[in-house]
Protein backbone atom coordinates (compact mmCIF):
# COMPACT_ATOMS: atom_id res chain seq x y z
CA UNK A 1 86.88 107.07 71.78
CA UNK A 2 89.29 107.70 74.68
CA UNK A 3 88.69 110.82 76.73
CA UNK A 4 92.31 111.81 75.95
CA UNK A 5 91.79 111.72 72.20
CA UNK A 6 90.43 115.26 71.76
CA UNK A 7 91.99 118.65 72.38
CA UNK A 8 90.26 122.00 72.89
CA UNK A 9 87.94 122.78 70.00
CA UNK A 10 86.85 119.14 69.68
CA UNK A 11 89.39 118.21 66.97
CA UNK A 12 90.06 114.43 66.91
CA UNK A 13 93.61 113.23 67.48
CA UNK A 14 95.13 110.14 65.96
CA UNK A 15 96.49 107.61 68.41
CA UNK A 16 100.01 108.20 67.10
CA UNK A 17 99.76 111.97 67.52
CA UNK A 18 98.23 111.58 70.97
CA UNK A 19 101.05 109.27 72.11
CA UNK A 20 103.72 111.60 70.72
CA UNK A 21 102.14 114.56 72.51
CA UNK A 22 102.07 112.74 75.83
CA UNK A 23 105.69 111.59 75.43
CA UNK A 24 106.78 115.16 74.70
CA UNK A 25 104.83 116.48 77.69
CA UNK A 26 106.34 113.87 80.04
CA UNK A 27 109.84 114.64 78.71
CA UNK A 28 109.28 118.35 79.39
CA UNK A 29 108.32 117.54 82.98
CA UNK A 30 111.48 115.49 83.48
CA UNK A 31 113.74 118.16 81.98
CA UNK A 32 112.17 120.93 84.08
CA UNK A 33 112.39 118.92 87.31
CA UNK A 34 115.91 117.53 86.85
CA UNK A 35 117.82 120.56 88.25
CA UNK A 36 115.44 120.91 91.22
CA UNK A 37 118.00 121.25 94.02
CA UNK A 38 120.23 123.67 92.13
CA UNK A 39 117.29 125.81 91.00
CA UNK A 40 115.60 125.94 94.40
CA UNK A 41 118.30 126.18 97.05
CA UNK A 42 118.80 129.78 98.15
CA UNK A 43 122.31 129.20 99.51
CA UNK A 44 124.98 131.01 97.45
CA UNK A 45 127.77 128.71 96.22
CA UNK A 46 126.01 125.64 97.68
CA UNK A 47 128.12 123.10 95.76
CA UNK A 48 131.54 124.69 96.38
CA UNK A 49 132.15 124.66 92.63
CA UNK A 50 135.37 126.68 92.29
CA UNK A 51 135.96 128.58 95.53
CA UNK A 52 135.05 128.90 99.20
CA UNK A 53 133.57 132.43 99.12
CA UNK A 54 131.09 133.62 100.29
CA UNK A 55 131.52 130.96 102.97
CA UNK A 56 133.71 132.07 105.89
CA UNK A 57 135.28 130.34 108.87
CA UNK A 58 133.02 129.62 111.84
CA UNK A 59 134.19 128.73 115.37
CA UNK A 60 132.13 128.45 118.51
CA UNK A 61 132.37 131.10 121.23
CA UNK A 62 130.95 131.73 124.70
CA UNK A 63 128.78 130.38 126.21
CA UNK A 64 130.13 127.31 124.36
CA UNK A 65 133.85 126.48 124.57
CA UNK A 66 135.92 128.27 121.93
CA UNK A 67 136.45 126.23 118.79
CA UNK A 68 139.79 125.82 117.07
CA UNK A 69 140.98 124.48 113.76
CA UNK A 70 142.94 125.09 110.57
CA UNK A 71 141.24 127.70 108.38
CA UNK A 72 138.71 125.97 106.11
CA UNK A 73 139.84 125.76 102.48
CA UNK A 74 138.30 124.93 99.13
CA UNK A 75 139.37 121.54 97.76
CA UNK A 76 139.13 120.45 94.11
CA UNK A 77 138.56 116.87 95.29
CA UNK A 78 136.62 115.07 96.54
CA UNK A 79 133.26 116.20 95.14
CA UNK A 80 129.91 114.66 96.07
CA UNK A 81 129.03 114.05 92.42
CA UNK A 82 132.65 113.31 91.34
CA UNK A 83 132.37 116.38 89.12
CA UNK A 84 135.82 117.51 87.87
CA UNK A 85 134.49 121.08 87.56
CA UNK A 86 133.42 121.23 91.21
CA UNK A 87 134.82 120.50 94.66
CA UNK A 88 134.10 120.72 98.37
CA UNK A 89 135.37 122.45 101.50
CA UNK A 90 137.93 120.87 103.82
CA UNK A 91 137.38 121.60 107.50
CA UNK A 92 140.11 120.55 109.94
CA UNK A 93 139.08 120.48 113.61
CA UNK A 94 141.91 120.94 116.13
CA UNK A 95 140.99 118.71 119.06
CA UNK A 96 144.16 119.52 121.02
CA UNK A 97 143.01 123.10 121.57
CA UNK A 98 139.31 122.42 122.08
CA UNK A 99 136.89 120.99 124.63
CA UNK A 100 133.56 119.16 124.57
CA UNK A 101 130.93 121.20 122.64
CA UNK A 102 133.56 123.29 120.85
CA UNK A 103 132.85 123.64 117.12
CA UNK A 104 134.73 124.64 114.00
CA UNK A 105 133.57 124.87 110.38
CA UNK A 106 132.05 127.28 107.86
CA UNK A 107 129.07 129.63 107.78
CA UNK A 108 127.43 132.34 105.70
CA UNK A 109 124.51 134.75 106.06
CA UNK A 110 121.86 134.59 103.32
CA UNK A 111 119.69 137.69 102.86
CA UNK A 112 116.29 136.93 101.33
CA UNK A 113 115.07 138.93 98.31
CA UNK A 114 112.26 140.22 100.56
CA UNK A 115 111.00 139.44 104.08
CA UNK A 116 109.33 136.03 103.83
CA UNK A 117 106.67 134.31 105.91
CA UNK A 118 108.27 130.96 106.76
CA UNK A 119 105.97 128.14 107.86
CA UNK A 120 108.65 125.47 107.49
CA UNK A 121 111.88 124.90 105.62
CA UNK A 122 114.06 122.02 104.55
CA UNK A 123 117.82 121.97 104.63
CA UNK A 124 120.68 119.53 104.12
CA UNK A 125 124.42 119.09 103.85
CA UNK A 126 126.68 116.26 102.65
CA UNK A 127 129.83 115.23 104.52
CA UNK A 128 132.69 112.79 103.99
CA UNK A 129 135.36 111.59 106.41
CA UNK A 130 138.69 110.96 104.64
CA UNK A 131 140.14 107.44 104.92
CA UNK A 132 142.88 108.57 107.32
CA UNK A 133 140.54 110.16 109.85
CA UNK A 134 139.77 108.39 113.12
CA UNK A 135 136.02 107.78 113.41
CA UNK A 136 136.30 107.35 117.16
CA UNK A 137 132.98 108.93 118.11
CA UNK A 138 134.60 112.07 119.50
CA UNK A 139 133.21 114.42 116.86
CA UNK A 140 129.87 115.06 115.16
CA UNK A 141 129.28 116.52 111.69
CA UNK A 142 126.51 119.11 111.92
CA UNK A 143 124.44 121.31 109.63
CA UNK A 144 122.51 124.19 111.20
CA UNK A 145 120.13 126.87 109.90
CA UNK A 146 119.09 129.92 111.94
CA UNK A 147 116.37 132.39 110.87
CA UNK A 148 116.53 136.14 111.59
CA UNK A 149 113.95 138.92 111.44
CA UNK A 150 116.39 141.44 109.95
CA UNK A 151 118.84 141.48 107.07
CA UNK A 152 122.45 140.61 107.79
CA UNK A 153 121.39 137.91 110.27
CA UNK A 154 120.15 140.27 112.95
CA UNK A 155 117.28 139.49 115.29
CA UNK A 156 117.36 135.75 115.94
CA UNK A 157 114.00 133.99 115.55
CA UNK A 158 114.49 130.23 115.53
CA UNK A 159 116.66 127.51 114.07
CA UNK A 160 117.34 123.82 113.74
CA UNK A 161 120.26 121.46 113.29
CA UNK A 162 121.01 117.90 112.25
CA UNK A 163 124.14 115.99 113.31
CA UNK A 164 125.86 112.64 112.99
CA UNK A 165 128.47 111.29 115.41
CA UNK A 166 131.51 110.13 113.47
CA UNK A 167 131.93 106.63 114.84
CA UNK A 168 133.15 103.52 113.05
CA UNK A 169 129.76 101.89 113.65
CA UNK A 170 127.88 104.69 111.87
CA UNK A 171 130.23 106.19 109.29
CA UNK A 172 132.43 104.52 106.68
CA UNK A 173 135.45 106.65 105.83
CA UNK A 174 135.62 107.67 102.18
CA UNK A 175 131.80 107.60 101.79
CA UNK A 176 129.52 110.62 101.41
CA UNK A 177 126.57 110.97 103.80
CA UNK A 178 123.71 113.50 103.88
CA UNK A 179 122.25 115.24 106.92
CA UNK A 180 118.79 116.66 106.30
CA UNK A 181 115.48 117.81 107.73
CA UNK A 182 112.79 118.31 105.08
CA UNK A 183 110.11 119.87 107.26
CA UNK A 184 111.57 121.91 110.11
CA UNK A 185 109.00 124.24 111.70
CA UNK A 186 110.38 127.39 113.36
CA UNK A 187 109.22 128.25 116.86
CA UNK A 188 105.91 130.18 116.67
CA UNK A 189 105.56 129.26 112.98
CA UNK A 190 104.92 131.06 110.71
CA UNK A 191 107.60 133.69 111.27
CA UNK A 192 108.53 136.68 109.12
CA UNK A 193 112.21 136.24 108.29
CA UNK A 194 114.57 138.42 106.27
CA UNK A 195 117.75 136.32 106.41
CA UNK A 196 119.21 132.99 107.47
CA UNK A 197 122.58 131.80 108.67
CA UNK A 198 123.73 128.44 107.31
CA UNK A 199 126.48 126.56 109.14
CA UNK A 200 128.38 123.34 108.54
CA UNK A 201 130.78 122.34 111.29
CA UNK A 202 132.41 119.68 113.43
CA UNK A 203 131.51 119.63 117.12
CA UNK A 204 133.50 117.79 119.77
CA UNK A 205 131.26 115.28 121.51
CA UNK A 206 133.73 112.97 123.28
CA UNK A 207 137.39 112.28 123.98
CA UNK A 208 139.53 112.56 120.81
CA UNK A 209 142.23 110.02 120.04
CA UNK A 210 144.09 112.22 117.55
CA UNK A 211 144.96 115.90 117.26
CA UNK A 212 143.40 116.96 113.97
CA UNK A 213 140.19 115.77 112.31
CA UNK A 214 139.81 116.72 108.62
CA UNK A 215 136.43 116.33 106.93
CA UNK A 216 134.82 117.50 103.67
CA UNK A 217 131.45 119.26 103.32
CA UNK A 218 129.47 119.73 100.10
CA UNK A 219 126.00 120.46 98.66
CA UNK A 220 124.21 122.78 101.07
CA UNK A 221 120.47 123.08 100.45
CA UNK A 222 118.01 125.51 102.03
CA UNK A 223 114.45 125.74 100.66
CA UNK A 224 111.70 127.79 102.27
CA UNK A 225 108.13 126.46 102.46
CA UNK A 226 108.75 123.52 100.14
CA UNK A 227 109.80 119.90 100.42
CA UNK A 228 112.13 117.74 98.36
CA UNK A 229 112.27 115.76 96.19
CA UNK A 230 109.56 116.76 93.73
CA UNK A 231 107.29 113.88 92.68
CA UNK A 232 106.67 113.50 88.95
CA UNK A 233 103.38 112.39 87.44
CA UNK A 234 103.51 109.15 85.47
CA UNK A 235 101.53 108.86 82.26
CA UNK A 236 100.39 105.60 80.68
CA UNK A 237 98.88 105.39 77.22
CA UNK A 238 96.61 102.44 76.54
């Protein structure tokens, strides 16, 4: 008899019952794991479903050059998942009023439920350059996460960022791309953090060929002390 054919108490199981039980168990695993990103990300309004808040405008300041751009705005389309009930944020970088290393985008401060010992974290953001935008290599899409020892993003500890230069050789306009780091270790890890600032922005990295550069951001993920995606166990019944 198979070692899977008995439950606690030594009661024998029929092959049919055993197979049905395993199928139900595997289905439960799939259902519980399906909404992983939405259940685990601690970023409020990460998918820009119906509004921009609590995201606010972010522009660089000294010691970096001051950033400039049209105020970021929620957009019903496009959406990363083509979901009619969701949207994204449109960021429009003004290159005419900026200089190399200037940045413009969105940010928010995320207070943790309680101070948390952070050994590593993973984070990501999706971006899309509209068809009319010049991918001339003068700008980079960037996602950044900064940890703080106090609530309200006070007491900087450490942070990381991921970026992609928007050049024709690397980015196809009208296509969504994801920037991510699944195992960033803060300086002097582990650190006791109480909040994090999440930023998505455009940074000038070269010589622009046009005045304004619009781009969409969507699906911000921040997970502390865990990686993604979750691997599911696979069951075979002989």
